[in-house]
N, C-alpha and C. Protein backbone atom coordinates (compact mmCIF):
# COMPACT_ATOMS: atom_id res chain seq x y z
N MET A 1 183.05 161.48 77.55
CA MET A 1 182.35 160.16 78.72
C MET A 1 183.55 159.77 79.11
N ASP A 2 183.14 158.47 80.11
CA ASP A 2 184.48 157.89 80.55
C ASP A 2 184.10 156.53 80.30
N GLY A 3 185.05 155.54 80.04
CA GLY A 3 184.67 154.60 79.44
C GLY A 3 183.68 153.02 79.85
N HIS A 4 183.35 153.07 81.40
CA HIS A 4 182.10 152.86 81.20
C HIS A 4 180.64 153.08 80.98
N ALA A 5 180.48 154.98 80.34
CA ALA A 5 179.51 154.93 80.18
C ALA A 5 179.46 154.68 78.62
N LEU A 6 180.34 154.93 78.17
CA LEU A 6 180.50 155.00 76.96
C LEU A 6 179.56 152.71 77.27
N MET A 7 180.62 151.67 77.17
CA MET A 7 180.01 150.42 76.56
C MET A 7 178.56 150.25 77.86
N ASN A 8 178.47 150.76 78.91
CA ASN A 8 177.14 150.77 79.24
C ASN A 8 176.11 151.32 77.78
N GLY A 9 176.63 152.80 77.55
CA GLY A 9 175.05 152.91 76.65
C GLY A 9 175.59 151.83 74.74
N ILE A 10 176.79 151.62 74.19
CA ILE A 10 176.81 150.39 73.43
C ILE A 10 175.68 149.17 74.23
N GLY A 11 175.81 148.83 75.87
CA GLY A 11 175.34 148.01 75.82
C GLY A 11 173.92 147.71 76.14
N PHE A 12 173.01 149.07 75.63
CA PHE A 12 171.99 149.55 75.60
C PHE A 12 171.81 149.15 74.63
N PHE A 13 172.64 150.19 73.56
CA PHE A 13 171.80 149.98 71.95
C PHE A 13 172.31 148.11 71.42
N LYS A 14 172.83 147.25 71.71
CA LYS A 14 172.62 145.70 71.81
C LYS A 14 171.46 145.18 72.17
N ARG A 15 171.09 145.54 73.10
CA ARG A 15 169.78 145.30 73.75
C ARG A 15 169.02 145.39 72.44
N LEU A 16 168.99 146.59 72.71
CA LEU A 16 168.06 147.42 71.94
C LEU A 16 167.25 146.90 70.33
N LEU A 17 168.50 146.47 69.93
CA LEU A 17 168.22 146.03 68.20
C LEU A 17 169.14 144.53 68.69
N GLY A 18 168.76 144.20 69.69
CA GLY A 18 170.96 142.49 69.39
C GLY A 18 169.38 141.71 68.71
N ASN A 19 169.80 140.13 69.12
CA ASN A 19 168.43 139.08 68.76
C ASN A 19 168.17 138.28 69.90
N HIS A 20 167.86 137.86 69.74
CA HIS A 20 166.44 137.19 70.79
C HIS A 20 165.73 136.21 69.87
N ALA A 21 166.12 134.95 69.83
CA ALA A 21 165.66 133.66 69.02
C ALA A 21 164.29 133.04 70.62
N ALA A 22 163.84 132.99 71.19
CA ALA A 22 163.20 133.03 71.70
C ALA A 22 161.89 133.21 72.01
N VAL A 23 160.70 132.54 70.84
CA VAL A 23 160.21 133.12 70.39
C VAL A 23 159.44 132.48 72.20
N GLU A 24 157.86 133.58 72.12
CA GLU A 24 157.21 133.82 73.54
C GLU A 24 155.76 133.13 72.33
N HIS A 25 155.27 133.01 73.45
CA HIS A 25 153.60 132.10 73.31
C HIS A 25 152.35 133.32 73.19
N ARG A 26 152.01 133.22 72.20
CA ARG A 26 151.26 134.37 71.39
C ARG A 26 149.69 133.44 71.89
N VAL A 27 149.25 135.24 72.43
CA VAL A 27 147.76 135.33 73.64
C VAL A 27 147.11 135.96 72.18
N GLU A 28 147.54 136.81 71.80
CA GLU A 28 146.16 138.07 70.89
C GLU A 28 146.56 137.68 70.28
N PRO A 29 145.21 138.19 69.03
CA PRO A 29 144.83 137.86 67.71
C PRO A 29 145.67 138.48 66.61
N GLN A 30 146.38 138.13 65.49
CA GLN A 30 147.01 138.78 64.70
C GLN A 30 146.16 139.57 63.66
N ALA A 31 146.55 140.53 62.80
CA ALA A 31 145.90 141.64 61.78
C ALA A 31 146.14 140.48 61.04
N ALA A 32 145.80 140.74 59.81
CA ALA A 32 145.58 139.68 58.31
C ALA A 32 147.84 140.01 58.64
N LEU A 33 147.23 138.89 57.33
CA LEU A 33 149.16 138.38 57.13
C LEU A 33 149.58 139.70 55.74
N GLY A 34 149.79 140.10 56.35
CA GLY A 34 150.83 141.41 54.91
C GLY A 34 149.67 143.12 55.20
N ALA A 35 149.97 142.68 55.37
CA ALA A 35 148.20 144.36 56.71
C ALA A 35 149.19 145.71 56.66
N ARG A 36 148.88 146.44 55.90
CA ARG A 36 149.91 147.71 55.67
C ARG A 36 149.50 148.68 57.29
N MET A 37 151.05 148.55 58.12
CA MET A 37 151.56 149.34 59.04
C MET A 37 152.06 150.80 58.79
N LEU A 38 151.62 152.17 58.75
CA LEU A 38 151.95 153.29 58.76
C LEU A 38 152.58 154.18 59.74
N VAL A 39 153.93 153.63 59.66
CA VAL A 39 154.43 154.13 61.55
C VAL A 39 155.24 155.53 61.15
N VAL A 40 154.69 156.96 61.57
CA VAL A 40 154.97 157.82 61.42
C VAL A 40 155.34 158.73 62.76
N ASP A 41 156.65 158.97 62.59
CA ASP A 41 157.37 159.46 63.86
C ASP A 41 158.65 160.37 63.12
N ASP A 42 159.29 161.59 63.89
CA ASP A 42 160.78 162.02 63.45
C ASP A 42 161.98 161.64 63.84
N SER A 43 161.35 160.01 65.19
CA SER A 43 162.53 159.78 65.29
C SER A 43 162.52 158.70 64.31
N PRO A 44 164.02 158.47 63.67
CA PRO A 44 164.44 157.23 63.17
C PRO A 44 164.81 156.00 64.02
N THR A 45 164.91 156.00 65.33
CA THR A 45 165.26 155.54 66.11
C THR A 45 163.32 154.05 66.85
N ILE A 46 162.37 155.44 66.86
CA ILE A 46 161.30 154.12 66.44
C ILE A 46 160.72 153.75 65.44
N CYS A 47 160.52 154.86 64.53
CA CYS A 47 161.01 154.21 63.30
C CYS A 47 161.37 152.90 62.84
N ALA A 48 162.61 153.23 62.94
CA ALA A 48 162.89 151.42 62.80
C ALA A 48 162.66 150.58 63.34
N VAL A 49 162.77 150.56 65.25
CA VAL A 49 162.40 149.19 65.88
C VAL A 49 161.32 148.83 65.66
N LEU A 50 160.20 149.90 65.78
CA LEU A 50 158.01 149.67 65.61
C LEU A 50 158.29 149.16 64.09
N GLY A 51 159.06 149.62 63.48
CA GLY A 51 159.33 148.97 62.07
C GLY A 51 159.50 147.19 61.42
N LYS A 52 160.57 146.98 62.36
CA LYS A 52 160.65 146.16 62.29
C LYS A 52 160.10 144.36 63.15
N MET A 53 159.78 145.17 64.39
CA MET A 53 158.54 144.91 65.06
C MET A 53 157.32 144.44 64.80
N LEU A 54 157.23 145.50 64.01
CA LEU A 54 156.04 145.23 62.94
C LEU A 54 156.00 143.89 61.85
N ARG A 55 157.62 144.13 60.87
CA ARG A 55 157.89 142.86 59.83
C ARG A 55 158.32 142.07 60.08
N GLN A 56 158.14 141.49 61.28
CA GLN A 56 158.60 140.48 62.53
C GLN A 56 157.38 139.59 62.26
N ASP A 57 156.33 140.28 62.50
CA ASP A 57 155.50 139.86 62.90
C ASP A 57 154.29 139.91 61.40
N GLY A 58 154.53 139.45 60.90
CA GLY A 58 153.83 139.31 59.20
C GLY A 58 153.54 140.81 58.01
N TYR A 59 153.49 142.15 58.99
CA TYR A 59 153.13 143.01 58.64
C TYR A 59 153.51 143.79 57.71
N ALA A 60 153.69 144.70 56.39
CA ALA A 60 153.93 145.23 55.35
C ALA A 60 154.30 146.75 55.91
N VAL A 61 155.32 147.69 56.17
CA VAL A 61 155.82 148.80 56.77
C VAL A 61 155.73 149.72 55.84
N LEU A 62 154.62 150.49 56.14
CA LEU A 62 155.28 152.38 55.26
C LEU A 62 156.23 152.82 56.29
N LYS A 63 156.44 153.98 56.04
CA LYS A 63 157.78 154.83 57.16
C LYS A 63 157.15 156.15 57.20
N ALA A 64 157.27 157.00 57.29
CA ALA A 64 157.24 158.74 57.42
C ALA A 64 157.50 158.84 58.23
N THR A 65 157.92 160.34 58.62
CA THR A 65 159.32 161.11 59.78
C THR A 65 158.24 163.25 60.08
N GLU A 66 157.46 163.11 58.79
CA GLU A 66 156.77 164.48 58.58
C GLU A 66 155.37 163.84 58.85
N GLY A 67 154.58 165.26 58.88
CA GLY A 67 152.78 164.87 59.02
C GLY A 67 152.46 164.99 57.54
N LYS A 68 153.16 165.82 56.83
CA LYS A 68 152.44 166.34 55.31
C LYS A 68 152.32 165.42 54.74
N ASP A 69 153.76 164.14 54.92
CA ASP A 69 153.93 162.86 54.37
C ASP A 69 153.74 161.66 54.98
N ALA A 70 152.93 161.35 56.12
CA ALA A 70 151.78 160.91 56.32
C ALA A 70 150.30 161.03 55.99
N ILE A 71 149.99 161.68 55.64
CA ILE A 71 149.27 162.55 54.82
C ILE A 71 148.90 161.88 53.30
N GLU A 72 149.42 161.83 53.04
CA GLU A 72 150.20 161.86 51.31
C GLU A 72 150.38 160.20 51.37
N LEU A 73 150.76 159.37 52.68
CA LEU A 73 150.74 158.15 52.23
C LEU A 73 149.42 157.41 52.60
N ALA A 74 148.93 157.58 53.67
CA ALA A 74 147.36 157.75 53.98
C ALA A 74 146.68 157.57 52.54
N ARG A 75 146.88 158.28 51.94
CA ARG A 75 146.18 158.38 51.21
C ARG A 75 146.06 157.68 49.72
N SER A 76 146.99 157.99 49.54
CA SER A 76 147.67 156.91 48.19
C SER A 76 148.27 155.45 48.13
N GLU A 77 148.64 154.74 49.71
CA GLU A 77 148.64 153.18 49.74
C GLU A 77 147.47 152.95 50.81
N GLN A 78 146.59 153.99 51.02
CA GLN A 78 145.55 153.08 52.10
C GLN A 78 145.95 152.01 53.50
N PRO A 79 146.10 152.59 54.06
CA PRO A 79 147.21 150.97 55.15
C PRO A 79 145.62 150.86 56.17
N GLU A 80 146.26 149.68 56.70
CA GLU A 80 144.91 149.28 57.56
C GLU A 80 145.45 150.08 58.97
N LEU A 81 146.81 150.59 59.33
CA LEU A 81 146.86 150.62 60.73
C LEU A 81 147.56 151.75 60.58
N ILE A 82 147.51 153.40 61.55
CA ILE A 82 148.19 154.40 61.26
C ILE A 82 148.73 153.79 62.86
N PHE A 83 149.93 154.67 63.17
CA PHE A 83 150.79 154.52 64.42
C PHE A 83 151.55 155.75 64.46
N LEU A 84 151.08 156.64 64.88
CA LEU A 84 150.85 157.79 65.04
C LEU A 84 151.69 159.32 66.05
N ASP A 85 152.90 159.59 65.83
CA ASP A 85 153.59 160.20 66.73
C ASP A 85 152.57 161.75 67.18
N ILE A 86 152.77 161.51 68.61
CA ILE A 86 152.02 162.99 68.82
C ILE A 86 153.10 164.22 68.14
N VAL A 87 154.44 164.14 69.08
CA VAL A 87 155.31 165.42 68.95
C VAL A 87 156.38 165.15 67.95
N MET A 88 155.72 165.86 66.45
CA MET A 88 156.17 166.33 65.68
C MET A 88 157.20 167.67 65.02
N PRO A 89 158.08 168.27 64.53
CA PRO A 89 158.62 168.83 64.22
C PRO A 89 157.90 169.35 63.17
N GLY A 90 157.26 170.44 62.81
CA GLY A 90 155.75 171.20 61.80
C GLY A 90 154.96 170.54 62.27
N MET A 91 154.04 170.04 61.33
CA MET A 91 152.73 169.41 61.29
C MET A 91 152.74 168.26 62.43
N ASN A 92 152.58 168.73 63.48
CA ASN A 92 152.43 167.47 64.53
C ASN A 92 151.57 166.16 64.60
N GLY A 93 151.38 165.10 65.75
CA GLY A 93 150.35 164.46 65.50
C GLY A 93 149.13 164.28 65.44
N PHE A 94 148.66 165.93 66.62
CA PHE A 94 147.32 165.93 66.60
C PHE A 94 146.60 167.10 66.01
N ALA A 95 147.32 167.11 64.62
CA ALA A 95 147.18 168.10 63.51
C ALA A 95 146.41 166.79 62.24
N VAL A 96 147.58 166.04 62.17
CA VAL A 96 147.75 164.64 61.20
C VAL A 96 146.41 164.48 61.65
N LEU A 97 146.62 163.65 62.57
CA LEU A 97 144.84 163.33 63.33
C LEU A 97 144.41 163.73 62.31
N ARG A 98 143.52 165.35 62.99
CA ARG A 98 142.31 165.84 62.04
C ARG A 98 142.39 165.47 61.08
N ALA A 99 143.68 165.51 60.61
CA ALA A 99 143.23 165.86 59.10
C ALA A 99 142.69 164.57 58.50
N LEU A 100 143.44 163.41 58.75
CA LEU A 100 143.61 162.18 58.16
C LEU A 100 141.66 161.83 59.27
N ARG A 101 140.46 162.32 60.15
CA ARG A 101 140.00 162.22 60.25
C ARG A 101 138.54 162.97 59.63
N HIS A 102 139.21 164.07 58.69
CA HIS A 102 138.13 165.11 57.90
C HIS A 102 137.96 164.53 56.45
N ASP A 103 139.60 163.83 56.53
CA ASP A 103 139.24 163.28 54.61
C ASP A 103 138.46 162.21 54.98
N PRO A 104 137.73 161.85 53.73
CA PRO A 104 137.57 160.53 53.33
C PRO A 104 137.41 159.91 52.71
N LEU A 105 138.45 159.36 52.34
CA LEU A 105 139.77 158.49 51.62
C LEU A 105 139.89 157.86 52.78
N THR A 106 140.57 158.59 54.53
CA THR A 106 141.51 158.04 55.25
C THR A 106 140.44 158.20 56.39
N ARG A 107 139.17 158.33 57.18
CA ARG A 107 138.98 159.30 58.09
C ARG A 107 138.49 157.65 58.75
N GLY A 108 138.49 156.31 57.89
CA GLY A 108 138.22 155.60 58.37
C GLY A 108 139.06 154.49 58.96
N ILE A 109 140.88 154.58 59.26
CA ILE A 109 141.44 154.25 58.89
C ILE A 109 141.57 154.06 60.61
N PRO A 110 142.67 153.04 61.66
CA PRO A 110 142.09 153.06 62.66
C PRO A 110 144.27 153.31 63.03
N ILE A 111 143.76 154.23 63.97
CA ILE A 111 145.29 155.31 64.84
C ILE A 111 145.27 155.44 66.68
N VAL A 112 146.59 154.77 66.30
CA VAL A 112 147.48 154.33 67.16
C VAL A 112 148.53 155.63 67.67
N MET A 113 147.72 156.59 68.32
CA MET A 113 148.15 157.52 68.51
C MET A 113 150.47 157.06 69.40
N ILE A 114 150.67 157.68 69.60
CA ILE A 114 152.54 157.35 70.72
C ILE A 114 153.34 158.44 71.22
N SER A 115 153.65 158.59 71.91
CA SER A 115 155.06 159.51 72.62
C SER A 115 154.97 159.45 73.48
N GLY A 116 156.08 159.35 74.12
CA GLY A 116 157.27 159.78 75.27
C GLY A 116 156.76 161.33 75.63
N ASN A 117 156.12 162.70 75.55
CA ASN A 117 155.64 163.46 76.00
C ASN A 117 154.77 163.92 77.23
N PRO A 118 155.06 164.06 78.56
CA PRO A 118 153.79 163.41 79.44
C PRO A 118 152.45 164.89 78.97
N GLN A 119 153.23 166.09 78.09
CA GLN A 119 152.30 167.20 78.58
C GLN A 119 151.62 166.51 76.70
N ALA A 120 152.18 166.42 75.48
CA ALA A 120 151.01 165.53 75.39
C ALA A 120 150.43 164.52 75.15
N THR A 121 150.93 163.97 76.26
CA THR A 121 150.20 162.59 76.68
C THR A 121 148.60 162.84 77.73
N GLU A 122 149.59 164.29 78.40
CA GLU A 122 147.92 164.60 79.24
C GLU A 122 146.89 164.95 78.31
N GLN A 123 147.59 165.86 77.55
CA GLN A 123 146.19 167.34 76.41
C GLN A 123 145.85 165.43 75.26
N PHE A 124 146.50 164.35 75.23
CA PHE A 124 145.76 162.81 74.88
C PHE A 124 144.19 162.59 75.64
N TYR A 125 144.60 162.33 76.55
CA TYR A 125 143.72 162.08 78.01
C TYR A 125 142.68 162.63 78.41
N VAL A 126 143.02 163.90 78.38
CA VAL A 126 141.91 165.17 78.96
C VAL A 126 141.03 165.72 77.57
N GLN A 127 142.36 165.21 76.18
CA GLN A 127 140.34 166.16 75.41
C GLN A 127 139.73 165.23 74.78
N ARG A 128 140.44 163.27 75.00
CA ARG A 128 139.88 162.59 73.23
C ARG A 128 139.74 162.89 72.62
N PHE A 129 140.79 162.48 71.46
CA PHE A 129 140.73 163.30 69.95
C PHE A 129 140.57 161.87 70.05
N GLY A 130 140.37 161.81 68.80
CA GLY A 130 139.02 161.34 67.97
C GLY A 130 140.35 159.69 67.34
N ALA A 131 141.27 159.75 68.29
CA ALA A 131 141.86 157.84 67.67
C ALA A 131 141.50 157.06 67.90
N ASP A 132 141.84 155.63 68.09
CA ASP A 132 141.53 154.82 68.51
C ASP A 132 142.40 153.99 69.68
N ASP A 133 143.71 154.49 69.89
CA ASP A 133 143.85 154.31 71.01
C ASP A 133 145.68 155.06 71.15
N PHE A 134 146.18 154.40 72.59
CA PHE A 134 147.26 154.99 72.58
C PHE A 134 148.53 154.38 72.78
N MET A 135 149.56 154.60 72.72
CA MET A 135 151.12 154.20 73.92
C MET A 135 151.73 154.80 73.92
N GLN A 136 152.05 154.61 75.29
CA GLN A 136 153.00 156.30 75.59
C GLN A 136 154.74 154.89 75.57
N LYS A 137 155.21 155.78 75.29
CA LYS A 137 157.36 155.90 74.87
C LYS A 137 157.71 155.71 76.51
N PRO A 138 158.40 153.91 76.53
CA PRO A 138 159.10 153.00 75.80
C PRO A 138 157.67 152.25 75.92
N PHE A 139 157.74 151.52 75.01
CA PHE A 139 156.94 150.18 75.08
C PHE A 139 158.06 149.42 74.35
N ASP A 140 157.15 147.86 74.02
CA ASP A 140 157.73 146.62 74.11
C ASP A 140 156.67 145.92 72.97
N ARG A 141 157.48 144.93 72.27
CA ARG A 141 156.85 144.34 71.31
C ARG A 141 155.04 144.28 72.06
N ASP A 142 155.25 143.24 73.04
CA ASP A 142 154.38 142.61 73.59
C ASP A 142 152.91 143.95 73.87
N GLU A 143 152.86 144.86 73.96
CA GLU A 143 152.30 145.52 74.39
C GLU A 143 151.78 146.47 72.12
N VAL A 144 152.85 146.54 71.56
CA VAL A 144 152.13 146.59 70.18
C VAL A 144 151.59 145.68 70.26
N TYR A 145 151.85 144.50 69.77
CA TYR A 145 150.92 143.41 69.53
C TYR A 145 149.49 143.00 70.75
N LEU A 146 149.32 143.87 71.57
CA LEU A 146 148.63 144.21 72.24
C LEU A 146 147.56 145.17 71.62
N ARG A 147 147.92 145.98 71.17
CA ARG A 147 147.72 146.75 70.80
C ARG A 147 146.20 146.18 69.23
N ILE A 148 146.82 146.20 68.66
CA ILE A 148 147.22 145.41 67.40
C ILE A 148 145.86 144.10 67.99
N GLY A 149 146.36 143.83 68.50
CA GLY A 149 145.11 142.87 68.92
C GLY A 149 143.97 143.05 69.39
N GLN A 150 143.94 143.84 69.86
CA GLN A 150 142.66 145.01 70.75
C GLN A 150 141.88 145.10 69.69
N LEU A 151 142.83 145.90 68.91
CA LEU A 151 141.84 146.27 67.08
C LEU A 151 140.84 145.15 66.29
N VAL A 152 141.54 143.87 66.47
CA VAL A 152 140.78 143.00 65.48
C VAL A 152 139.88 142.39 66.19
N GLN A 153 139.70 142.43 67.85
CA GLN A 153 138.71 141.99 68.75
C GLN A 153 137.81 142.91 68.68
N SER A 154 138.29 144.26 68.07
CA SER A 154 137.24 145.17 68.08
C SER A 154 136.08 144.98 66.77
N GLY A 155 136.95 144.16 65.85
CA GLY A 155 136.38 144.67 64.00
C GLY A 155 137.10 146.07 63.72
N ARG A 156 137.46 146.82 64.21
CA ARG A 156 138.76 147.31 63.56
C ARG A 156 139.79 147.12 62.55
N LEU A 157 140.40 145.68 62.39
CA LEU A 157 141.16 145.49 61.93
C LEU A 157 140.27 144.26 61.62
N ALA A 158 140.94 143.81 60.79
CA ALA A 158 140.80 142.23 59.82
C ALA A 158 142.00 141.66 60.39
N GLY A 159 141.29 139.84 60.98
CA GLY A 159 142.10 139.01 61.98
C GLY A 159 142.67 137.77 60.91
N ARG A 160 143.58 137.29 61.12
CA ARG A 160 144.42 136.61 60.40
C ARG A 160 144.09 135.05 59.84
N LEU A 161 143.78 135.14 59.17
CA LEU A 161 143.08 133.54 59.03
C LEU A 161 144.25 132.38 59.26
N PRO A 162 143.61 131.41 60.12
CA PRO A 162 144.86 130.48 60.49
C PRO A 162 145.27 129.94 59.29
N PRO A 163 146.41 129.37 59.32
CA PRO A 163 146.78 128.14 58.29
C PRO A 163 146.07 127.10 57.53
N GLU A 164 145.99 126.77 56.11
CA GLU A 164 145.35 125.46 56.16
C GLU A 164 146.06 124.71 56.57
N PRO A 165 146.17 123.60 56.93
CA PRO A 165 146.53 122.30 57.05
C PRO A 165 147.49 121.27 56.12
N VAL A 166 148.02 121.40 55.88
CA VAL A 166 149.42 120.42 54.86
C VAL A 166 149.86 119.14 55.38
N GLU A 167 148.99 118.31 54.84
CA GLU A 167 149.29 116.58 55.21
C GLU A 167 151.16 116.43 54.97
N LEU A 168 151.71 115.47 55.76
CA LEU A 168 152.31 115.82 55.10
C LEU A 168 152.81 113.43 55.61
N ALA A 169 153.26 113.15 54.59
CA ALA A 169 153.65 112.02 53.93
C ALA A 169 154.76 111.61 55.51
N SER A 170 155.81 112.37 55.41
CA SER A 170 156.91 112.07 55.84
C SER A 170 157.00 113.40 57.42
N PRO A 171 156.78 114.06 58.01
CA PRO A 171 157.14 115.54 58.41
C PRO A 171 158.69 115.27 58.73
N PRO A 172 159.41 116.04 57.97
CA PRO A 172 160.66 116.60 58.13
C PRO A 172 160.93 116.70 59.82
N VAL A 173 162.32 116.62 60.41
CA VAL A 173 162.36 116.53 61.62
C VAL A 173 163.62 117.53 61.80
N LEU A 174 163.69 118.16 62.33
CA LEU A 174 164.99 119.09 62.18
C LEU A 174 165.58 118.81 63.29
N SER A 175 166.67 119.21 63.21
CA SER A 175 168.32 119.28 64.36
C SER A 175 168.36 120.05 64.67
N ALA A 176 169.14 120.27 66.08
CA ALA A 176 168.86 121.17 66.68
C ALA A 176 170.11 122.64 66.52
N GLU A 177 171.14 121.71 65.19
CA GLU A 177 171.68 122.60 64.75
C GLU A 177 170.79 123.39 63.69
N GLU A 178 169.98 122.75 62.91
CA GLU A 178 169.62 123.13 61.94
C GLU A 178 169.00 124.30 62.62
N LEU A 179 168.61 124.51 63.72
CA LEU A 179 167.33 125.33 64.56
C LEU A 179 168.48 126.69 64.99
N SER A 180 169.16 127.48 64.07
CA SER A 180 170.02 128.49 64.73
C SER A 180 169.44 129.37 64.58
N ALA A 181 169.96 130.24 65.63
CA ALA A 181 169.23 131.80 65.14
C ALA A 181 169.25 132.67 64.46
N ASP A 182 169.73 132.25 63.60
CA ASP A 182 169.64 132.99 62.15
C ASP A 182 168.45 132.50 61.83
N ASP A 183 167.75 131.04 61.92
CA ASP A 183 166.76 131.24 61.46
C ASP A 183 165.34 131.44 61.92
N LEU A 184 165.65 132.34 63.40
CA LEU A 184 164.52 132.43 64.31
C LEU A 184 164.64 133.79 64.00
N ALA A 185 163.22 134.09 64.57
CA ALA A 185 163.43 135.71 63.60
C ALA A 185 164.27 136.60 65.38
N ASP A 186 164.75 137.63 64.99
CA ASP A 186 165.37 138.91 66.11
C ASP A 186 164.25 140.05 65.82
N ILE A 187 163.79 140.40 67.36
CA ILE A 187 162.55 141.46 67.40
C ILE A 187 163.30 141.66 68.67
N PRO A 188 163.32 143.46 68.18
CA PRO A 188 164.08 144.33 69.97
C PRO A 188 162.57 144.01 71.22
N ASP A 189 162.79 144.55 71.76
CA ASP A 189 162.61 144.03 73.19
C ASP A 189 161.71 145.01 73.25
N ILE A 190 162.45 146.32 73.34
CA ILE A 190 161.95 148.20 73.40
C ILE A 190 162.07 148.70 72.84
N ALA A 191 160.97 150.06 71.99
CA ALA A 191 161.47 150.82 71.75
C ALA A 191 161.14 152.40 72.78
N MET A 192 162.51 152.45 72.47
CA MET A 192 163.02 154.13 73.63
C MET A 192 162.94 155.69 72.74
N PRO A 193 162.34 156.36 72.92
CA PRO A 193 162.42 158.02 73.35
C PRO A 193 164.14 158.49 72.88
N ASP A 194 164.64 158.74 71.34
CA ASP A 194 165.67 159.66 71.59
C ASP A 194 165.59 160.07 72.71
N ALA A 195 166.83 160.54 73.19
CA ALA A 195 167.27 161.39 74.37
C ALA A 195 167.37 162.78 74.50
N ASP A 196 166.75 163.24 73.52
CA ASP A 196 167.32 164.22 73.29
C ASP A 196 165.89 164.98 72.60
N ALA A 197 164.65 164.34 72.22
CA ALA A 197 163.11 164.60 72.20
C ALA A 197 162.31 164.77 72.87
N THR A 198 162.98 166.39 73.34
CA THR A 198 162.11 166.23 73.95
C THR A 198 161.65 167.69 73.82
N PRO A 199 161.14 167.96 72.84
CA PRO A 199 160.64 169.10 71.92
C PRO A 199 158.62 169.74 72.97
N HIS A 200 159.00 171.20 73.05
CA HIS A 200 157.35 171.53 73.86
C HIS A 200 156.55 171.93 73.16
N LEU A 201 155.41 170.82 73.04
CA LEU A 201 154.22 171.15 72.71
C LEU A 201 153.83 172.96 73.11
N THR A 202 153.86 173.47 72.01
CA THR A 202 152.78 174.61 72.18
C THR A 202 151.13 174.79 72.34
N GLY A 203 150.26 175.39 71.94
CA GLY A 203 149.13 176.06 72.37
C GLY A 203 148.60 175.43 71.00
N ALA A 204 149.14 175.68 70.44
CA ALA A 204 148.60 175.68 68.45
C ALA A 204 147.57 174.20 68.66
N VAL A 205 148.05 173.35 68.79
CA VAL A 205 148.05 172.04 68.90
C VAL A 205 146.35 171.71 68.97
N ALA A 206 146.48 172.15 70.35
CA ALA A 206 144.87 172.57 71.17
C ALA A 206 143.69 172.27 69.67
N MET A 207 142.51 171.30 70.13
CA MET A 207 141.37 171.54 69.51
C MET A 207 140.48 171.57 69.96
N PRO A 208 139.11 172.40 68.59
CA PRO A 208 137.85 171.33 69.69
C PRO A 208 138.05 170.63 69.37
N GLN A 209 137.27 169.66 70.55
CA GLN A 209 137.08 168.39 70.69
C GLN A 209 135.58 168.23 69.43
N ALA A 210 135.58 169.07 69.29
CA ALA A 210 134.05 168.81 68.01
C ALA A 210 133.79 168.65 66.80
N THR A 211 136.01 168.83 66.45
CA THR A 211 135.92 169.19 65.22
C THR A 211 136.58 167.94 64.67
N LEU A 212 136.12 167.52 66.16
CA LEU A 212 137.02 166.22 65.29
C LEU A 212 136.08 164.23 65.31
N GLN A 213 135.98 164.18 64.10
CA GLN A 213 135.01 162.24 64.16
C GLN A 213 135.68 161.64 64.83
N VAL A 214 134.37 161.55 66.27
CA VAL A 214 135.67 160.07 66.91
C VAL A 214 135.38 158.77 66.91
N VAL A 215 136.44 158.39 66.60
CA VAL A 215 136.43 156.77 65.80
C VAL A 215 136.63 156.27 67.20
N HIS A 216 136.50 155.35 67.43
CA HIS A 216 136.18 154.14 69.48
C HIS A 216 137.53 155.00 69.66
N GLY A 217 137.78 156.17 69.44
CA GLY A 217 138.68 156.09 70.82
C GLY A 217 138.79 155.53 72.64
N ILE A 218 139.54 155.98 73.39
CA ILE A 218 139.50 155.72 74.54
C ILE A 218 138.77 155.81 75.36
N GLY A 219 138.36 154.97 75.87
CA GLY A 219 136.23 155.56 76.52
C GLY A 219 138.28 155.46 78.35
């Protein structure tokens, strides 16, 4: 690898995980503060980036890199929302989705499927699996917040209560020096799939649509 390519690669990851002090105006409704979000992906990069995006918006994050672990966490922790990757080694996301929808303890949990694999994406839309929504990799924080906001608007997620007003006799005024970048949330702008994460979906992931209890699937 030449020096130019190396610097480009380093620059990409700095942008991916770098500091961003600017706070954009939010228009989407937010889920309840502290809501538990389960991120299921065999990519450590996706788990780290998506987890950081969610934590910066006030959510508690659980992570699983395998399908079986995801099912156990969903049963024991009862998260408010699951972000579930489709293409994973061993038990793929479609099989995890089917297991969660058949289990009385987890069948009502909203699930957003995620994938950067074109075959998995096409299969999801063609067969209309019983997930609530779908995000295609790469995705940025705005898309993550949009999916959550849509679930709040549809009633699938409890919304965040507005903060109670607090009256201050003398409201503190912060100087520009006090509002440093360290005081502001730094969240990544985009979550990219791993470059070498291109496994092939086998026919084993396909399943009859009738076996799934569809919960607010994408129309």
